[in-house]
């Protein structure tokens, strides 16, 4: 978990530095509810996925390299 993330607080100040990716996001309804922001990194052969869930909303984004 990043140093700037605090359990129960999703409105913390973002870390300084270059923005690597910025785009609109669409959340879907999750089957379960997460009590705090949950971020999973799923590695692939030439890519990885970031999965985000907060409450009953989730989204995923695949990055290729």
Protein backbone atom coordinates (compact mmCIF):
# COMPACT_ATOMS: atom_id res chain seq x y z
CA UNK A 1 0.00 0.00 0.00
CA UNK A 2 1.29 3.44 -0.86
CA UNK A 3 2.63 5.65 1.93
CA UNK A 4 0.06 8.33 1.11
CA UNK A 5 -2.96 6.03 1.58
CA UNK A 6 -4.63 5.99 4.96
CA UNK A 7 -7.22 3.33 5.91
CA UNK A 8 -10.69 4.84 5.83
CA UNK A 9 -9.57 8.06 4.09
CA UNK A 10 -9.72 8.21 0.28
CA UNK A 11 -9.32 11.98 0.12
CA UNK A 12 -5.66 12.22 1.12
CA UNK A 13 -3.24 14.48 -0.74
CA UNK A 14 -1.83 12.77 -3.85
CA UNK A 15 1.92 12.20 -3.92
CA UNK A 16 4.05 14.65 -5.89
CA UNK A 17 5.65 13.65 -9.18
CA UNK A 18 4.82 12.97 -12.81
CA UNK A 19 1.33 11.68 -13.67
CA UNK A 20 1.72 8.43 -15.60
CA UNK A 21 -1.90 7.88 -16.65
CA UNK A 22 -5.05 9.98 -16.65
CA UNK A 23 -8.40 9.04 -18.19
CA UNK A 24 -12.12 8.99 -17.42
CA UNK A 25 -13.21 6.05 -15.27
CA UNK A 26 -16.42 4.03 -15.16
CA UNK A 27 -17.31 2.01 -12.06
CA UNK A 28 -19.50 -1.09 -12.00
CA UNK A 29 -21.48 -2.45 -9.06
CA UNK A 30 -19.53 -5.06 -7.10
CA UNK A 31 -21.04 -8.25 -5.66
CA UNK A 32 -19.66 -7.46 -2.20
CA UNK A 33 -18.82 -4.32 -0.26
CA UNK A 34 -15.31 -3.21 0.68
CA UNK A 35 -15.06 -1.15 3.91
CA UNK A 36 -12.05 0.77 2.53
CA UNK A 37 -10.27 1.39 -0.77
CA UNK A 38 -8.88 -1.91 -2.09
CA UNK A 39 -6.28 -1.98 -4.89
CA UNK A 40 -5.07 -5.26 -6.43
CA UNK A 41 -2.25 -5.63 -8.97
CA UNK A 42 -2.55 -8.69 -11.21
CA UNK A 43 0.57 -9.39 -13.32
CA UNK A 44 0.37 -10.86 -16.84
CA UNK A 45 2.93 -11.88 -19.49
CA UNK A 46 3.19 -8.47 -21.17
CA UNK A 47 0.74 -6.51 -19.05
CA UNK A 48 -0.70 -6.00 -15.60
CA UNK A 49 -4.15 -5.10 -14.32
CA UNK A 50 -5.05 -2.68 -11.57
CA UNK A 51 -8.33 -3.51 -9.85
CA UNK A 52 -9.94 -0.90 -7.62
CA UNK A 53 -12.89 -1.38 -5.28
CA UNK A 54 -14.43 1.12 -2.89
CA UNK A 55 -17.69 0.30 -1.16
CA UNK A 56 -19.84 -1.54 -3.68
CA UNK A 57 -18.16 -0.01 -6.76
CA UNK A 58 -15.23 -1.49 -8.69
CA UNK A 59 -13.27 -1.02 -11.91
CA UNK A 60 -10.20 -2.52 -13.56
CA UNK A 61 -7.64 -1.16 -16.01
CA UNK A 62 -5.11 -3.17 -18.01
CA UNK A 63 -1.69 -1.70 -18.83
CA UNK A 64 0.53 -3.26 -21.52
CA UNK A 65 4.30 -2.97 -21.69
